[in-house]
N, C-alpha and C. Protein backbone atom coordinates (compact mmCIF):
# COMPACT_ATOMS: atom_id res chain seq x y z
N UNK A 1 0.79 -1.24 -0.05
CA UNK A 1 0.00 0.36 0.17
C UNK A 1 1.15 1.43 0.07
N UNK A 2 0.46 1.82 -0.78
CA UNK A 2 1.37 3.62 -0.99
C UNK A 2 0.82 4.11 0.39
N UNK A 3 2.00 5.09 0.82
CA UNK A 3 2.23 6.11 1.76
C UNK A 3 0.87 7.29 1.57
N UNK A 4 -0.29 6.96 2.87
CA UNK A 4 -1.25 8.22 2.47
C UNK A 4 -0.78 9.70 1.90
N UNK A 5 0.35 9.82 2.38
CA UNK A 5 0.99 11.43 2.15
C UNK A 5 0.69 11.51 0.86
N UNK A 6 1.15 10.63 -0.12
CA UNK A 6 1.35 10.81 -1.50
C UNK A 6 -0.34 10.98 -2.02
N UNK A 7 -1.14 10.60 -1.93
CA UNK A 7 -2.39 10.49 -2.20
C UNK A 7 -3.10 12.14 -1.78
N UNK A 8 -2.16 12.81 -0.60
CA UNK A 8 -2.81 14.36 -0.39
C UNK A 8 -1.69 15.33 -1.43
N UNK A 9 -0.72 14.57 -2.17
CA UNK A 9 -0.28 15.66 -3.02
C UNK A 9 -1.35 16.21 -3.97
N UNK A 10 -1.24 17.51 -4.56
CA UNK A 10 -1.98 17.92 -5.80
C UNK A 10 -1.47 17.84 -7.47
N UNK A 11 -0.06 17.76 -7.53
CA UNK A 11 0.95 17.66 -9.05
C UNK A 11 1.16 15.51 -8.79
N UNK A 12 1.33 15.78 -9.93
CA UNK A 12 1.94 14.73 -10.77
C UNK A 12 3.00 14.54 -11.94
N UNK A 13 4.55 14.27 -11.71
CA UNK A 13 4.68 14.37 -12.85
C UNK A 13 4.20 12.90 -13.84
N UNK A 14 4.02 13.32 -15.54
CA UNK A 14 3.71 12.40 -16.40
C UNK A 14 4.79 12.15 -17.26
N UNK A 15 5.27 10.61 -17.21
CA UNK A 15 6.13 10.41 -18.74
C UNK A 15 5.27 9.81 -19.11
N UNK A 16 5.29 10.04 -20.06
CA UNK A 16 5.08 8.83 -21.72
C UNK A 16 6.03 9.60 -22.98
N UNK A 17 5.87 8.03 -23.43
CA UNK A 17 7.07 7.65 -24.10
C UNK A 17 6.66 8.68 -25.72
N UNK A 18 5.48 8.81 -26.13
CA UNK A 18 5.05 9.30 -27.22
C UNK A 18 5.19 11.27 -27.41
N UNK A 19 5.17 11.18 -25.68
CA UNK A 19 5.05 13.30 -25.72
C UNK A 19 6.64 13.55 -24.33
N UNK A 20 6.29 14.86 -24.49
CA UNK A 20 7.42 15.34 -23.19
C UNK A 20 6.99 15.14 -21.83
N UNK A 21 7.74 15.17 -20.49
CA UNK A 21 7.61 15.11 -19.31
C UNK A 21 6.74 16.13 -18.65
N UNK A 22 5.50 15.87 -18.34
CA UNK A 22 4.79 16.79 -18.03
C UNK A 22 4.41 17.22 -16.29
N UNK A 23 4.39 17.99 -15.93
CA UNK A 23 3.87 18.29 -14.31
C UNK A 23 2.22 18.72 -14.61
N UNK A 24 1.23 17.60 -13.99
CA UNK A 24 -0.23 17.88 -14.00
C UNK A 24 -0.83 17.85 -12.66
N UNK A 25 -1.61 18.68 -12.48
CA UNK A 25 -2.31 18.85 -11.17
C UNK A 25 -3.29 16.97 -11.15
N UNK A 26 -3.37 16.73 -9.78
CA UNK A 26 -4.08 15.99 -9.73
C UNK A 26 -5.44 15.81 -10.64
N UNK A 27 -6.39 16.62 -10.84
CA UNK A 27 -7.32 15.98 -11.70
C UNK A 27 -7.18 16.33 -13.35
N UNK A 28 -6.04 16.91 -13.82
CA UNK A 28 -5.62 16.36 -14.92
C UNK A 28 -4.71 14.87 -15.06
N UNK A 29 -3.97 14.69 -14.25
CA UNK A 29 -3.35 13.41 -14.31
C UNK A 29 -4.84 12.18 -14.29
N UNK A 30 -6.01 12.76 -13.45
CA UNK A 30 -6.92 11.23 -13.69
C UNK A 30 -7.36 11.25 -14.96
N UNK A 31 -7.52 12.80 -15.54
CA UNK A 31 -7.97 12.59 -17.11
C UNK A 31 -6.88 12.12 -17.93
N UNK A 32 -5.82 12.62 -17.55
CA UNK A 32 -4.77 12.14 -18.93
C UNK A 32 -4.90 10.18 -18.41
N UNK A 33 -4.95 9.73 -17.02
CA UNK A 33 -4.98 8.47 -16.88
C UNK A 33 -6.10 7.31 -17.39
N UNK A 34 -7.38 8.30 -17.56
CA UNK A 34 -8.50 8.03 -18.28
C UNK A 34 -8.44 7.61 -19.52
N UNK A 35 -7.79 8.89 -20.26
CA UNK A 35 -7.59 8.74 -21.86
C UNK A 35 -6.29 7.63 -22.02
N UNK A 36 -5.52 7.53 -21.03
CA UNK A 36 -4.51 6.03 -21.30
C UNK A 36 -5.04 4.45 -21.01
N UNK A 37 -6.13 4.54 -20.60
CA UNK A 37 -7.17 3.73 -20.42
C UNK A 37 -7.95 3.07 -21.21
N UNK A 38 -8.22 4.43 -21.97
CA UNK A 38 -9.44 3.98 -23.54
C UNK A 38 -8.50 3.76 -24.59
N UNK A 39 -7.15 3.85 -24.28
CA UNK A 39 -6.36 3.20 -24.80
C UNK A 39 -6.54 2.17 -25.44
N UNK A 40 -6.55 1.15 -24.33
CA UNK A 40 -6.16 -0.24 -24.48
C UNK A 40 -7.62 -0.75 -24.92
N UNK A 41 -7.34 -2.00 -25.55
CA UNK A 41 -8.62 -2.85 -25.93
C UNK A 41 -9.54 -2.85 -25.07
N UNK A 42 -8.84 -3.80 -23.87
CA UNK A 42 -9.71 -4.18 -22.68
C UNK A 42 -8.77 -3.72 -21.28
N UNK A 43 -9.49 -3.34 -20.21
CA UNK A 43 -8.39 -2.91 -18.73
C UNK A 43 -7.71 -4.20 -18.24
N UNK A 44 -6.34 -4.22 -17.77
CA UNK A 44 -5.32 -4.99 -17.47
C UNK A 44 -6.34 -6.14 -16.38
N UNK A 45 -6.07 -7.24 -16.53
CA UNK A 45 -6.71 -8.11 -15.72
C UNK A 45 -6.85 -7.64 -14.07
N UNK A 46 -5.81 -6.65 -13.62
CA UNK A 46 -5.89 -6.63 -12.26
C UNK A 46 -7.31 -5.51 -12.06
N UNK A 47 -7.70 -4.74 -12.86
CA UNK A 47 -8.92 -3.60 -13.04
C UNK A 47 -10.09 -4.11 -13.86
N UNK A 48 -10.22 -4.97 -14.30
CA UNK A 48 -10.97 -5.23 -14.36
C UNK A 48 -12.44 -5.85 -14.25
N UNK A 49 -12.21 -6.46 -12.57
CA UNK A 49 -13.26 -6.29 -12.00
C UNK A 49 -14.15 -5.03 -11.20
N UNK A 50 -13.42 -4.12 -11.82
CA UNK A 50 -13.94 -2.77 -10.93
C UNK A 50 -15.19 -1.91 -12.12
N UNK A 51 -16.03 -1.25 -11.91
CA UNK A 51 -17.20 -1.07 -12.38
C UNK A 51 -17.03 -0.48 -13.59
N UNK A 52 -16.07 0.18 -13.34
CA UNK A 52 -16.36 2.15 -14.30
C UNK A 52 -14.59 2.58 -14.30
N UNK A 53 -14.51 3.02 -15.15
CA UNK A 53 -12.70 4.07 -15.73
C UNK A 53 -12.71 4.42 -15.03
N UNK A 54 -13.45 4.98 -14.10
CA UNK A 54 -12.97 6.44 -13.07
C UNK A 54 -12.35 5.42 -11.91
N UNK A 55 -13.23 4.66 -11.25
CA UNK A 55 -12.26 3.25 -10.66
C UNK A 55 -11.55 2.78 -10.32
N UNK A 56 -11.18 2.28 -11.98
CA UNK A 56 -9.83 2.08 -12.56
C UNK A 56 -9.09 3.18 -12.46
N UNK A 57 -8.85 4.18 -12.67
CA UNK A 57 -8.18 5.51 -12.39
C UNK A 57 -7.97 5.76 -11.43
N UNK A 58 -8.72 5.49 -10.18
CA UNK A 58 -8.71 5.65 -8.88
C UNK A 58 -7.92 4.90 -8.12
N UNK A 59 -7.84 3.54 -8.87
CA UNK A 59 -7.35 2.22 -8.60
C UNK A 59 -5.44 2.54 -8.72
N UNK A 60 -5.41 2.78 -9.92
CA UNK A 60 -4.16 2.77 -10.26
C UNK A 60 -3.16 4.65 -9.74
N UNK A 61 -4.11 5.58 -9.82
CA UNK A 61 -3.32 6.83 -9.02
C UNK A 61 -3.08 5.74 -7.05
N UNK A 62 -3.68 5.03 -6.58
CA UNK A 62 -3.51 4.78 -5.40
C UNK A 62 -2.91 3.93 -5.09
N UNK A 63 -2.50 2.78 -5.96
CA UNK A 63 -1.57 1.27 -6.10
C UNK A 63 -0.22 1.67 -6.91
N UNK A 64 -0.17 2.49 -8.34
CA UNK A 64 0.63 1.89 -9.41
C UNK A 64 1.23 3.28 -9.71
N UNK A 65 2.74 3.31 -10.52
CA UNK A 65 3.04 4.18 -11.57
C UNK A 65 3.13 4.11 -12.62
N UNK A 66 2.35 2.89 -13.03
CA UNK A 66 3.13 2.86 -14.15
C UNK A 66 1.58 1.55 -15.22
N UNK A 67 1.91 1.57 -16.13
CA UNK A 67 0.36 0.90 -16.94
C UNK A 67 1.19 0.80 -18.27
N UNK A 68 1.20 -0.87 -18.72
CA UNK A 68 1.80 -0.64 -20.07
C UNK A 68 0.70 -0.71 -21.18
N UNK A 69 0.62 0.26 -22.37
CA UNK A 69 -0.28 0.05 -22.82
C UNK A 69 -0.04 -0.98 -24.03
N UNK A 70 1.18 -1.13 -24.43
CA UNK A 70 1.28 -2.60 -25.54
C UNK A 70 2.73 -2.61 -25.05
N UNK A 71 3.10 -3.68 -25.51
CA UNK A 71 4.51 -4.25 -25.38
C UNK A 71 5.53 -3.34 -25.86
N UNK A 72 6.99 -3.10 -24.62
CA UNK A 72 7.43 -1.67 -25.17
C UNK A 72 7.28 -0.44 -25.04
N UNK A 73 5.46 -0.47 -24.40
CA UNK A 73 5.48 1.10 -24.13
C UNK A 73 4.13 1.50 -22.98
N UNK A 74 4.92 2.14 -22.37
CA UNK A 74 4.84 1.68 -20.66
C UNK A 74 4.50 3.57 -20.64
N UNK A 75 3.49 3.84 -19.63
CA UNK A 75 3.51 4.78 -19.20
C UNK A 75 3.32 5.49 -18.00
N UNK A 76 4.29 6.28 -17.31
CA UNK A 76 4.21 6.45 -15.62
C UNK A 76 4.14 7.61 -15.05
N UNK A 77 3.64 7.58 -13.83
CA UNK A 77 2.97 9.36 -13.01
C UNK A 77 3.83 8.83 -11.86
N UNK A 78 4.10 10.25 -11.34
CA UNK A 78 4.68 9.91 -9.81
C UNK A 78 3.65 11.02 -9.37
N UNK A 79 3.86 11.39 -7.90
CA UNK A 79 3.51 12.29 -7.30
C UNK A 79 4.33 12.91 -6.32
N UNK A 80 4.00 14.40 -7.32
CA UNK A 80 5.04 15.63 -6.61
C UNK A 80 4.85 16.47 -5.38
N UNK A 81 5.71 16.99 -4.96
CA UNK A 81 5.44 18.12 -4.03
C UNK A 81 6.17 19.16 -4.68
N UNK A 82 5.29 20.31 -4.78
CA UNK A 82 5.49 21.96 -5.09
C UNK A 82 5.33 22.54 -4.40
N UNK A 83 6.49 23.09 -3.70
CA UNK A 83 6.29 24.34 -2.88
C UNK A 83 6.19 25.72 -3.63
N UNK A 84 4.97 26.49 -2.71
CA UNK A 84 4.51 27.98 -3.03
C UNK A 84 5.42 28.47 -3.22
């Protein structure tokens, strides 16, 4: 289980091999992950039992930091703290 402090952070670094590194808000990261999940023909086996894509996104944010879209193509995200 991930550290609860991580879930309290508001920004993520998103690494996509098809694009540049980005720093996104938590809401933008959720939208980005939703788009990544929708690129898949079927949800990953460990997420398939969840009822909706939004639940899958939340599970990914809470328990993972990478999603393989196809062999050799993996996207990653990491919670970061941006000091004011």
